[in-house]
Amino acid sequence: MAFLGNMVSRKLFGNNSGITKAKEDISLSERMMGDSGGGGGDHEASNRMAGILRRDWDSYMENYAPYDAKLREMVMGDADNEAAIDRARETTRDSFAASREAGERDRSRAGLSLAQDEADVINRRSQRNGTLAEVNAANQTRLHMQDRDMQMMAGNMAGGLRQAATDPMGAY
């Protein structure tokens, strides 16, 4: 095959010693590597790299994978989201109850008394406003938790920590 290649190059380019020399260098390097496909020969570098990568993967699986699994569960799980939504609802209920009690105290201090129909109207309004505020708080909390979960999945939550670790002087 090398003979045919040399013959073709002489026909195309004449007896150019630069091309012949380059072909001889390629032929020499192919013989040193083994066969011309590059598949044979010494694979020491490849084996070393495979060993390094294997050790890195084992280290990752041993040291970091459990934390990644916990983070994934935290992000993908709904337990913390439901707890936050319940806290938002409870806080809203408590706020409205405190507000109603404060209104009753203020009316009592002023010596005002409401007729039954007026008290019913105020209670209905307060209950309606409390329910609307509770639903709004739950929805806002849910949206915030979804945004937080997406940021965690995208790695944005750790960006500040990563930046602080790599650039302690705070270049941001």
N, C-alpha and C. Protein backbone atom coordinates (compact mmCIF):
# COMPACT_ATOMS: atom_id res chain seq x y z
N MET A 1 0.82 -1.19 0.00
CA MET A 1 0.00 0.00 0.00
C MET A 1 0.86 1.25 0.00
N ALA A 2 1.95 1.22 0.79
CA ALA A 2 2.85 2.37 0.82
C ALA A 2 3.49 2.58 -0.55
N PHE A 3 3.80 1.50 -1.26
CA PHE A 3 4.39 1.61 -2.59
C PHE A 3 3.44 2.33 -3.54
N LEU A 4 2.15 1.94 -3.51
CA LEU A 4 1.15 2.57 -4.37
C LEU A 4 1.00 4.05 -4.02
N GLY A 5 1.01 4.39 -2.71
CA GLY A 5 0.90 5.78 -2.28
C GLY A 5 2.08 6.59 -2.76
N ASN A 6 3.29 6.02 -2.68
CA ASN A 6 4.48 6.73 -3.15
C ASN A 6 4.42 6.93 -4.66
N MET A 7 3.95 5.92 -5.38
CA MET A 7 3.87 6.01 -6.83
C MET A 7 2.87 7.10 -7.24
N VAL A 8 1.73 7.16 -6.55
CA VAL A 8 0.72 8.16 -6.87
C VAL A 8 1.26 9.54 -6.56
N SER A 9 1.94 9.72 -5.44
CA SER A 9 2.46 11.04 -5.09
C SER A 9 3.53 11.48 -6.07
N ARG A 10 4.35 10.54 -6.60
CA ARG A 10 5.35 10.92 -7.59
C ARG A 10 4.69 11.36 -8.88
N LYS A 11 3.61 10.66 -9.27
CA LYS A 11 2.90 11.02 -10.50
C LYS A 11 2.25 12.39 -10.35
N LEU A 12 1.63 12.65 -9.17
CA LEU A 12 0.92 13.92 -8.98
C LEU A 12 1.87 15.08 -8.73
N PHE A 13 2.85 14.87 -7.84
CA PHE A 13 3.67 15.98 -7.40
C PHE A 13 5.12 15.91 -7.87
N GLY A 14 5.46 14.92 -8.63
CA GLY A 14 6.84 14.75 -9.05
C GLY A 14 7.63 14.10 -7.94
N ASN A 15 8.90 14.23 -7.99
CA ASN A 15 9.76 13.59 -7.01
C ASN A 15 10.10 14.60 -5.92
N ASN A 16 9.05 15.06 -5.21
CA ASN A 16 9.22 16.07 -4.17
C ASN A 16 9.68 15.39 -2.89
N SER A 17 10.85 15.76 -2.42
CA SER A 17 11.42 15.08 -1.26
C SER A 17 10.69 15.46 0.03
N GLY A 18 10.05 16.63 0.10
CA GLY A 18 9.31 17.04 1.30
C GLY A 18 8.10 16.15 1.55
N ILE A 19 7.36 15.85 0.49
CA ILE A 19 6.18 14.99 0.62
C ILE A 19 6.62 13.58 0.96
N THR A 20 7.65 13.10 0.32
CA THR A 20 8.14 11.76 0.61
C THR A 20 8.61 11.68 2.06
N LYS A 21 9.31 12.70 2.52
CA LYS A 21 9.80 12.72 3.90
C LYS A 21 8.62 12.71 4.88
N ALA A 22 7.57 13.49 4.61
CA ALA A 22 6.40 13.54 5.48
C ALA A 22 5.73 12.17 5.54
N LYS A 23 5.63 11.51 4.39
CA LYS A 23 5.02 10.18 4.37
C LYS A 23 5.86 9.18 5.14
N GLU A 24 7.16 9.31 5.04
CA GLU A 24 8.03 8.41 5.79
C GLU A 24 7.87 8.65 7.29
N ASP A 25 7.73 9.92 7.71
CA ASP A 25 7.53 10.23 9.13
C ASP A 25 6.21 9.64 9.63
N ILE A 26 5.14 9.77 8.84
CA ILE A 26 3.85 9.20 9.21
C ILE A 26 3.96 7.69 9.32
N SER A 27 4.63 7.09 8.33
CA SER A 27 4.79 5.63 8.35
C SER A 27 5.57 5.20 9.59
N LEU A 28 6.61 5.95 9.97
CA LEU A 28 7.40 5.62 11.14
C LEU A 28 6.56 5.73 12.41
N SER A 29 5.74 6.79 12.50
CA SER A 29 4.91 6.96 13.71
C SER A 29 3.84 5.87 13.78
N GLU A 30 3.32 5.43 12.63
CA GLU A 30 2.34 4.35 12.64
C GLU A 30 2.98 3.05 13.13
N ARG A 31 4.21 2.81 12.73
CA ARG A 31 4.88 1.59 13.18
C ARG A 31 5.16 1.65 14.67
N MET A 32 5.49 2.85 15.19
CA MET A 32 5.74 2.98 16.62
C MET A 32 4.46 2.80 17.43
N MET A 33 3.33 3.24 16.90
CA MET A 33 2.04 3.11 17.60
C MET A 33 1.50 1.70 17.49
N GLY A 34 1.95 0.95 16.58
CA GLY A 34 1.42 -0.39 16.37
C GLY A 34 0.92 -0.47 14.95
N ASP A 35 -0.39 -0.58 14.79
CA ASP A 35 -0.94 -0.63 13.43
C ASP A 35 -1.37 0.75 13.00
N SER A 36 -1.79 0.89 11.75
CA SER A 36 -2.13 2.20 11.22
C SER A 36 -3.45 2.72 11.76
N GLY A 37 -4.28 1.89 12.38
CA GLY A 37 -5.55 2.33 12.95
C GLY A 37 -5.39 2.99 14.29
N GLY A 38 -4.23 2.91 14.90
CA GLY A 38 -4.00 3.51 16.20
C GLY A 38 -4.64 2.71 17.32
N GLY A 39 -5.23 1.56 17.03
CA GLY A 39 -5.91 0.77 18.04
C GLY A 39 -4.97 -0.09 18.86
N GLY A 40 -3.84 -0.44 18.32
CA GLY A 40 -2.92 -1.30 19.05
C GLY A 40 -1.91 -0.45 19.79
N GLY A 41 -0.88 -1.08 20.24
CA GLY A 41 0.18 -0.35 20.89
C GLY A 41 -0.08 -0.14 22.36
N ASP A 42 0.63 0.82 22.90
CA ASP A 42 0.62 1.08 24.33
C ASP A 42 -0.59 1.94 24.71
N HIS A 43 -1.37 1.47 25.67
CA HIS A 43 -2.55 2.21 26.14
C HIS A 43 -2.34 2.71 27.56
N GLU A 44 -1.10 2.92 27.93
CA GLU A 44 -0.82 3.30 29.31
C GLU A 44 -1.49 4.61 29.68
N ALA A 45 -1.43 5.62 28.83
CA ALA A 45 -2.04 6.91 29.14
C ALA A 45 -3.56 6.77 29.27
N SER A 46 -4.14 6.01 28.38
CA SER A 46 -5.58 5.79 28.42
C SER A 46 -5.98 5.05 29.70
N ASN A 47 -5.20 4.05 30.07
CA ASN A 47 -5.48 3.30 31.29
C ASN A 47 -5.32 4.17 32.53
N ARG A 48 -4.29 5.02 32.52
CA ARG A 48 -4.10 5.93 33.65
C ARG A 48 -5.29 6.89 33.78
N MET A 49 -5.71 7.45 32.66
CA MET A 49 -6.84 8.38 32.69
C MET A 49 -8.10 7.67 33.16
N ALA A 50 -8.31 6.45 32.69
CA ALA A 50 -9.47 5.68 33.14
C ALA A 50 -9.42 5.44 34.63
N GLY A 51 -8.25 5.16 35.16
CA GLY A 51 -8.09 4.96 36.60
C GLY A 51 -8.39 6.21 37.39
N ILE A 52 -7.89 7.35 36.89
CA ILE A 52 -8.15 8.63 37.55
C ILE A 52 -9.65 8.93 37.56
N LEU A 53 -10.28 8.77 36.40
CA LEU A 53 -11.71 9.03 36.32
C LEU A 53 -12.51 8.07 37.20
N ARG A 54 -12.11 6.82 37.25
CA ARG A 54 -12.79 5.84 38.08
C ARG A 54 -12.66 6.21 39.56
N ARG A 55 -11.45 6.63 39.99
CA ARG A 55 -11.26 7.04 41.39
C ARG A 55 -12.08 8.29 41.70
N ASP A 56 -12.12 9.24 40.76
CA ASP A 56 -12.94 10.44 40.96
C ASP A 56 -14.41 10.08 41.11
N TRP A 57 -14.88 9.18 40.27
CA TRP A 57 -16.29 8.77 40.33
C TRP A 57 -16.58 8.05 41.65
N ASP A 58 -15.69 7.16 42.07
CA ASP A 58 -15.88 6.45 43.33
C ASP A 58 -15.89 7.43 44.51
N SER A 59 -15.00 8.42 44.46
CA SER A 59 -14.95 9.44 45.51
C SER A 59 -16.24 10.25 45.53
N TYR A 60 -16.71 10.61 44.37
CA TYR A 60 -17.98 11.35 44.28
C TYR A 60 -19.12 10.53 44.87
N MET A 61 -19.21 9.27 44.45
CA MET A 61 -20.30 8.42 44.92
C MET A 61 -20.22 8.22 46.44
N GLU A 62 -19.02 8.15 46.97
CA GLU A 62 -18.88 7.91 48.40
C GLU A 62 -19.10 9.18 49.21
N ASN A 63 -18.56 10.29 48.75
CA ASN A 63 -18.57 11.52 49.55
C ASN A 63 -19.72 12.47 49.25
N TYR A 64 -20.14 12.57 48.00
CA TYR A 64 -21.11 13.60 47.63
C TYR A 64 -22.47 13.08 47.21
N ALA A 65 -22.54 11.89 46.70
CA ALA A 65 -23.82 11.37 46.20
C ALA A 65 -24.90 11.32 47.28
N PRO A 66 -24.59 10.95 48.53
CA PRO A 66 -25.65 10.97 49.55
C PRO A 66 -26.23 12.37 49.76
N TYR A 67 -25.38 13.39 49.70
CA TYR A 67 -25.86 14.76 49.87
C TYR A 67 -26.68 15.20 48.66
N ASP A 68 -26.25 14.79 47.48
CA ASP A 68 -27.02 15.09 46.28
C ASP A 68 -28.40 14.45 46.35
N ALA A 69 -28.45 13.22 46.85
CA ALA A 69 -29.74 12.53 46.97
C ALA A 69 -30.65 13.25 47.96
N LYS A 70 -30.08 13.70 49.08
CA LYS A 70 -30.87 14.45 50.06
C LYS A 70 -31.37 15.76 49.47
N LEU A 71 -30.51 16.46 48.75
CA LEU A 71 -30.91 17.71 48.12
C LEU A 71 -31.99 17.47 47.08
N ARG A 72 -31.85 16.43 46.28
CA ARG A 72 -32.86 16.09 45.28
C ARG A 72 -34.19 15.79 45.95
N GLU A 73 -34.16 15.04 47.05
CA GLU A 73 -35.39 14.73 47.78
C GLU A 73 -36.01 16.00 48.35
N MET A 74 -35.15 16.88 48.86
CA MET A 74 -35.65 18.13 49.40
C MET A 74 -36.32 18.97 48.31
N VAL A 75 -35.68 19.02 47.16
CA VAL A 75 -36.20 19.83 46.08
C VAL A 75 -37.43 19.20 45.45
N MET A 76 -37.37 17.92 45.20
CA MET A 76 -38.47 17.26 44.50
C MET A 76 -39.60 16.85 45.45
N GLY A 77 -39.30 16.73 46.74
CA GLY A 77 -40.32 16.33 47.70
C GLY A 77 -41.26 17.47 48.04
N ASP A 78 -42.45 17.14 48.49
CA ASP A 78 -43.45 18.15 48.81
C ASP A 78 -43.60 18.38 50.30
N ALA A 79 -42.87 17.65 51.13
CA ALA A 79 -43.05 17.76 52.58
C ALA A 79 -42.74 19.17 53.06
N ASP A 80 -41.60 19.73 52.65
CA ASP A 80 -41.26 21.08 53.10
C ASP A 80 -42.19 22.13 52.50
N ASN A 81 -42.64 21.90 51.26
CA ASN A 81 -43.57 22.84 50.63
C ASN A 81 -44.89 22.87 51.37
N GLU A 82 -45.42 21.70 51.68
CA GLU A 82 -46.70 21.63 52.40
C GLU A 82 -46.58 22.23 53.79
N ALA A 83 -45.46 22.00 54.45
CA ALA A 83 -45.26 22.58 55.78
C ALA A 83 -45.21 24.11 55.70
N ALA A 84 -44.55 24.65 54.69
CA ALA A 84 -44.48 26.11 54.52
C ALA A 84 -45.85 26.68 54.21
N ILE A 85 -46.62 26.01 53.38
CA ILE A 85 -47.97 26.47 53.05
C ILE A 85 -48.85 26.44 54.29
N ASP A 86 -48.75 25.39 55.09
CA ASP A 86 -49.52 25.31 56.34
C ASP A 86 -49.14 26.42 57.30
N ARG A 87 -47.83 26.72 57.38
CA ARG A 87 -47.39 27.83 58.25
C ARG A 87 -47.94 29.16 57.76
N ALA A 88 -47.96 29.37 56.44
CA ALA A 88 -48.50 30.62 55.90
C ALA A 88 -49.98 30.75 56.21
N ARG A 89 -50.73 29.66 56.07
CA ARG A 89 -52.17 29.69 56.38
C ARG A 89 -52.39 29.97 57.87
N GLU A 90 -51.63 29.29 58.71
CA GLU A 90 -51.79 29.47 60.15
C GLU A 90 -51.44 30.89 60.58
N THR A 91 -50.37 31.43 60.01
CA THR A 91 -49.97 32.80 60.33
C THR A 91 -51.05 33.79 59.92
N THR A 92 -51.64 33.57 58.75
CA THR A 92 -52.71 34.46 58.28
C THR A 92 -53.92 34.36 59.19
N ARG A 93 -54.32 33.15 59.56
CA ARG A 93 -55.45 32.97 60.49
C ARG A 93 -55.19 33.67 61.81
N ASP A 94 -53.98 33.49 62.34
CA ASP A 94 -53.63 34.11 63.62
C ASP A 94 -53.66 35.64 63.51
N SER A 95 -53.18 36.17 62.39
CA SER A 95 -53.18 37.62 62.19
C SER A 95 -54.60 38.17 62.14
N PHE A 96 -55.47 37.50 61.42
CA PHE A 96 -56.85 37.98 61.33
C PHE A 96 -57.58 37.83 62.66
N ALA A 97 -57.30 36.76 63.40
CA ALA A 97 -57.93 36.60 64.72
C ALA A 97 -57.47 37.72 65.65
N ALA A 98 -56.17 38.02 65.62
CA ALA A 98 -55.64 39.12 66.46
C ALA A 98 -56.26 40.45 66.04
N SER A 99 -56.44 40.65 64.75
CA SER A 99 -57.05 41.88 64.26
C SER A 99 -58.50 42.00 64.72
N ARG A 100 -59.26 40.92 64.65
CA ARG A 100 -60.66 40.93 65.12
C ARG A 100 -60.73 41.24 66.61
N GLU A 101 -59.84 40.59 67.38
CA GLU A 101 -59.82 40.83 68.82
C GLU A 101 -59.46 42.28 69.13
N ALA A 102 -58.50 42.84 68.39
CA ALA A 102 -58.11 44.24 68.60
C ALA A 102 -59.28 45.16 68.27
N GLY A 103 -60.02 44.87 67.21
CA GLY A 103 -61.19 45.69 66.86
C GLY A 103 -62.26 45.63 67.93
N GLU A 104 -62.50 44.44 68.44
CA GLU A 104 -63.49 44.30 69.52
C GLU A 104 -63.05 45.06 70.78
N ARG A 105 -61.76 44.98 71.11
CA ARG A 105 -61.24 45.70 72.27
C ARG A 105 -61.38 47.20 72.09
N ASP A 106 -61.05 47.68 70.89
CA ASP A 106 -61.15 49.12 70.62
C ASP A 106 -62.60 49.59 70.75
N ARG A 107 -63.54 48.81 70.22
CA ARG A 107 -64.96 49.19 70.33
C ARG A 107 -65.41 49.15 71.79
N SER A 108 -64.94 48.16 72.50
CA SER A 108 -65.31 48.04 73.91
C SER A 108 -64.76 49.21 74.72
N ARG A 109 -63.51 49.65 74.45
CA ARG A 109 -62.91 50.79 75.15
C ARG A 109 -63.67 52.07 74.87
N ALA A 110 -64.11 52.16 73.63
CA ALA A 110 -64.84 53.37 73.25
C ALA A 110 -66.28 53.33 73.75
N GLY A 111 -66.70 52.20 74.28
CA GLY A 111 -68.05 52.08 74.79
C GLY A 111 -69.08 51.86 73.69
N LEU A 112 -68.63 51.35 72.55
CA LEU A 112 -69.55 51.10 71.45
C LEU A 112 -70.05 49.66 71.50
N SER A 113 -71.28 49.50 71.18
CA SER A 113 -71.82 48.15 71.06
C SER A 113 -72.53 48.08 69.71
N LEU A 114 -72.38 46.97 69.07
CA LEU A 114 -72.96 46.79 67.74
C LEU A 114 -74.26 46.02 67.84
N ALA A 115 -75.15 46.35 66.95
CA ALA A 115 -76.37 45.57 66.83
C ALA A 115 -75.98 44.21 66.25
N GLN A 116 -76.83 43.22 66.44
CA GLN A 116 -76.52 41.87 66.00
C GLN A 116 -76.29 41.81 64.50
N ASP A 117 -77.10 42.49 63.72
CA ASP A 117 -76.91 42.45 62.26
C ASP A 117 -75.61 43.12 61.86
N GLU A 118 -75.20 44.21 62.55
CA GLU A 118 -73.92 44.86 62.26
C GLU A 118 -72.75 43.94 62.62
N ALA A 119 -72.85 43.26 63.75
CA ALA A 119 -71.80 42.32 64.18
C ALA A 119 -71.69 41.17 63.19
N ASP A 120 -72.84 40.69 62.68
CA ASP A 120 -72.83 39.60 61.70
C ASP A 120 -72.14 40.03 60.41
N VAL A 121 -72.43 41.26 59.96
CA VAL A 121 -71.81 41.78 58.73
C VAL A 121 -70.30 41.89 58.92
N ILE A 122 -69.88 42.42 60.05
CA ILE A 122 -68.44 42.57 60.32
C ILE A 122 -67.77 41.19 60.38
N ASN A 123 -68.41 40.22 61.03
CA ASN A 123 -67.84 38.87 61.11
C ASN A 123 -67.74 38.21 59.74
N ARG A 124 -68.79 38.37 58.91
CA ARG A 124 -68.75 37.79 57.56
C ARG A 124 -67.64 38.42 56.73
N ARG A 125 -67.52 39.75 56.80
CA ARG A 125 -66.45 40.44 56.06
C ARG A 125 -65.08 39.97 56.54
N SER A 126 -64.94 39.90 57.84
CA SER A 126 -63.66 39.48 58.40
C SER A 126 -63.33 38.04 57.99
N GLN A 127 -64.33 37.17 58.04
CA GLN A 127 -64.10 35.78 57.63
C GLN A 127 -63.75 35.70 56.14
N ARG A 128 -64.49 36.45 55.32
CA ARG A 128 -64.22 36.44 53.88
C ARG A 128 -62.82 36.98 53.59
N ASN A 129 -62.49 38.11 54.21
CA ASN A 129 -61.16 38.69 54.00
C ASN A 129 -60.07 37.75 54.52
N GLY A 130 -60.33 37.10 55.65
CA GLY A 130 -59.36 36.16 56.19
C GLY A 130 -59.16 34.97 55.27
N THR A 131 -60.27 34.46 54.72
CA THR A 131 -60.16 33.32 53.80
C THR A 131 -59.41 33.71 52.53
N LEU A 132 -59.72 34.89 51.99
CA LEU A 132 -59.01 35.36 50.80
C LEU A 132 -57.52 35.56 51.08
N ALA A 133 -57.22 36.13 52.24
CA ALA A 133 -55.80 36.33 52.60
C ALA A 133 -55.10 35.00 52.80
N GLU A 134 -55.81 34.03 53.37
CA GLU A 134 -55.23 32.70 53.59
C GLU A 134 -54.92 32.02 52.26
N VAL A 135 -55.87 32.09 51.33
CA VAL A 135 -55.66 31.50 50.00
C VAL A 135 -54.51 32.21 49.28
N ASN A 136 -54.48 33.53 49.37
CA ASN A 136 -53.42 34.29 48.73
C ASN A 136 -52.06 33.94 49.34
N ALA A 137 -51.99 33.83 50.66
CA ALA A 137 -50.72 33.48 51.32
C ALA A 137 -50.27 32.09 50.88
N ALA A 138 -51.22 31.15 50.80
CA ALA A 138 -50.86 29.79 50.37
C ALA A 138 -50.35 29.80 48.93
N ASN A 139 -51.02 30.55 48.05
CA ASN A 139 -50.60 30.61 46.65
C ASN A 139 -49.24 31.28 46.50
N GLN A 140 -49.03 32.38 47.22
CA GLN A 140 -47.74 33.07 47.14
C GLN A 140 -46.62 32.18 47.68
N THR A 141 -46.91 31.46 48.76
CA THR A 141 -45.90 30.55 49.31
C THR A 141 -45.60 29.43 48.32
N ARG A 142 -46.63 28.90 47.69
CA ARG A 142 -46.45 27.83 46.71
C ARG A 142 -45.59 28.31 45.54
N LEU A 143 -45.87 29.51 45.04
CA LEU A 143 -45.06 30.06 43.94
C LEU A 143 -43.62 30.28 44.36
N HIS A 144 -43.45 30.80 45.57
CA HIS A 144 -42.09 31.02 46.06
C HIS A 144 -41.34 29.70 46.19
N MET A 145 -42.00 28.68 46.70
CA MET A 145 -41.36 27.38 46.86
C MET A 145 -41.01 26.76 45.50
N GLN A 146 -41.88 26.93 44.52
CA GLN A 146 -41.58 26.41 43.18
C GLN A 146 -40.38 27.13 42.59
N ASP A 147 -40.32 28.46 42.74
CA ASP A 147 -39.17 29.22 42.26
C ASP A 147 -37.90 28.77 42.96
N ARG A 148 -37.97 28.60 44.27
CA ARG A 148 -36.80 28.16 45.02
C ARG A 148 -36.35 26.78 44.56
N ASP A 149 -37.30 25.87 44.36
CA ASP A 149 -36.96 24.52 43.91
C ASP A 149 -36.30 24.55 42.53
N MET A 150 -36.82 25.38 41.63
CA MET A 150 -36.22 25.47 40.29
C MET A 150 -34.83 26.07 40.36
N GLN A 151 -34.63 27.07 41.22
CA GLN A 151 -33.30 27.65 41.37
C GLN A 151 -32.33 26.63 41.94
N MET A 152 -32.80 25.83 42.88
CA MET A 152 -31.92 24.80 43.45
C MET A 152 -31.56 23.77 42.38
N MET A 153 -32.53 23.38 41.56
CA MET A 153 -32.25 22.41 40.50
C MET A 153 -31.28 22.98 39.48
N ALA A 154 -31.38 24.28 39.23
CA ALA A 154 -30.50 24.90 38.24
C ALA A 154 -29.14 25.27 38.84
N GLY A 155 -29.01 25.15 40.13
CA GLY A 155 -27.74 25.47 40.77
C GLY A 155 -27.59 26.92 41.14
N ASN A 156 -28.62 27.73 40.98
CA ASN A 156 -28.51 29.15 41.26
C ASN A 156 -28.41 29.47 42.74
N MET A 157 -28.97 28.62 43.59
CA MET A 157 -28.94 28.90 45.03
C MET A 157 -27.51 28.82 45.56
N ALA A 158 -26.71 27.96 45.00
CA ALA A 158 -25.35 27.79 45.49
C ALA A 158 -24.37 28.73 44.80
N GLY A 159 -24.85 29.54 43.88
CA GLY A 159 -23.97 30.43 43.14
C GLY A 159 -23.20 31.37 44.04
N GLY A 160 -23.87 31.95 45.02
CA GLY A 160 -23.20 32.86 45.94
C GLY A 160 -22.14 32.17 46.76
N LEU A 161 -22.45 30.96 47.22
CA LEU A 161 -21.47 30.21 47.99
C LEU A 161 -20.28 29.82 47.13
N ARG A 162 -20.57 29.41 45.89
CA ARG A 162 -19.49 29.02 44.98
C ARG A 162 -18.61 30.23 44.68
N GLN A 163 -19.24 31.39 44.46
CA GLN A 163 -18.48 32.60 44.17
C GLN A 163 -17.63 32.99 45.38
N ALA A 164 -18.20 32.88 46.57
CA ALA A 164 -17.45 33.21 47.77
C ALA A 164 -16.27 32.27 47.98
N ALA A 165 -16.45 31.01 47.62
CA ALA A 165 -15.37 30.04 47.79
C ALA A 165 -14.25 30.27 46.79
N THR A 166 -14.60 30.63 45.55
CA THR A 166 -13.58 30.80 44.53
C THR A 166 -12.96 32.20 44.53
N ASP A 167 -13.70 33.18 45.03
CA ASP A 167 -13.20 34.54 45.05
C ASP A 167 -13.51 35.16 46.41
N PRO A 168 -12.70 34.86 47.43
CA PRO A 168 -13.01 35.30 48.78
C PRO A 168 -13.00 36.82 48.95
N MET A 169 -12.39 37.53 48.03
CA MET A 169 -12.36 38.99 48.13
C MET A 169 -13.67 39.63 47.70
N GLY A 170 -14.58 38.82 47.15
CA GLY A 170 -15.92 39.33 46.81
C GLY A 170 -15.93 40.25 45.60
N ALA A 171 -15.68 39.69 44.44
CA ALA A 171 -15.63 40.50 43.21
C ALA A 171 -16.99 40.68 42.59
N TYR A 172 -18.07 40.41 43.30
CA TYR A 172 -19.38 40.61 42.69
C TYR A 172 -20.10 41.72 43.31
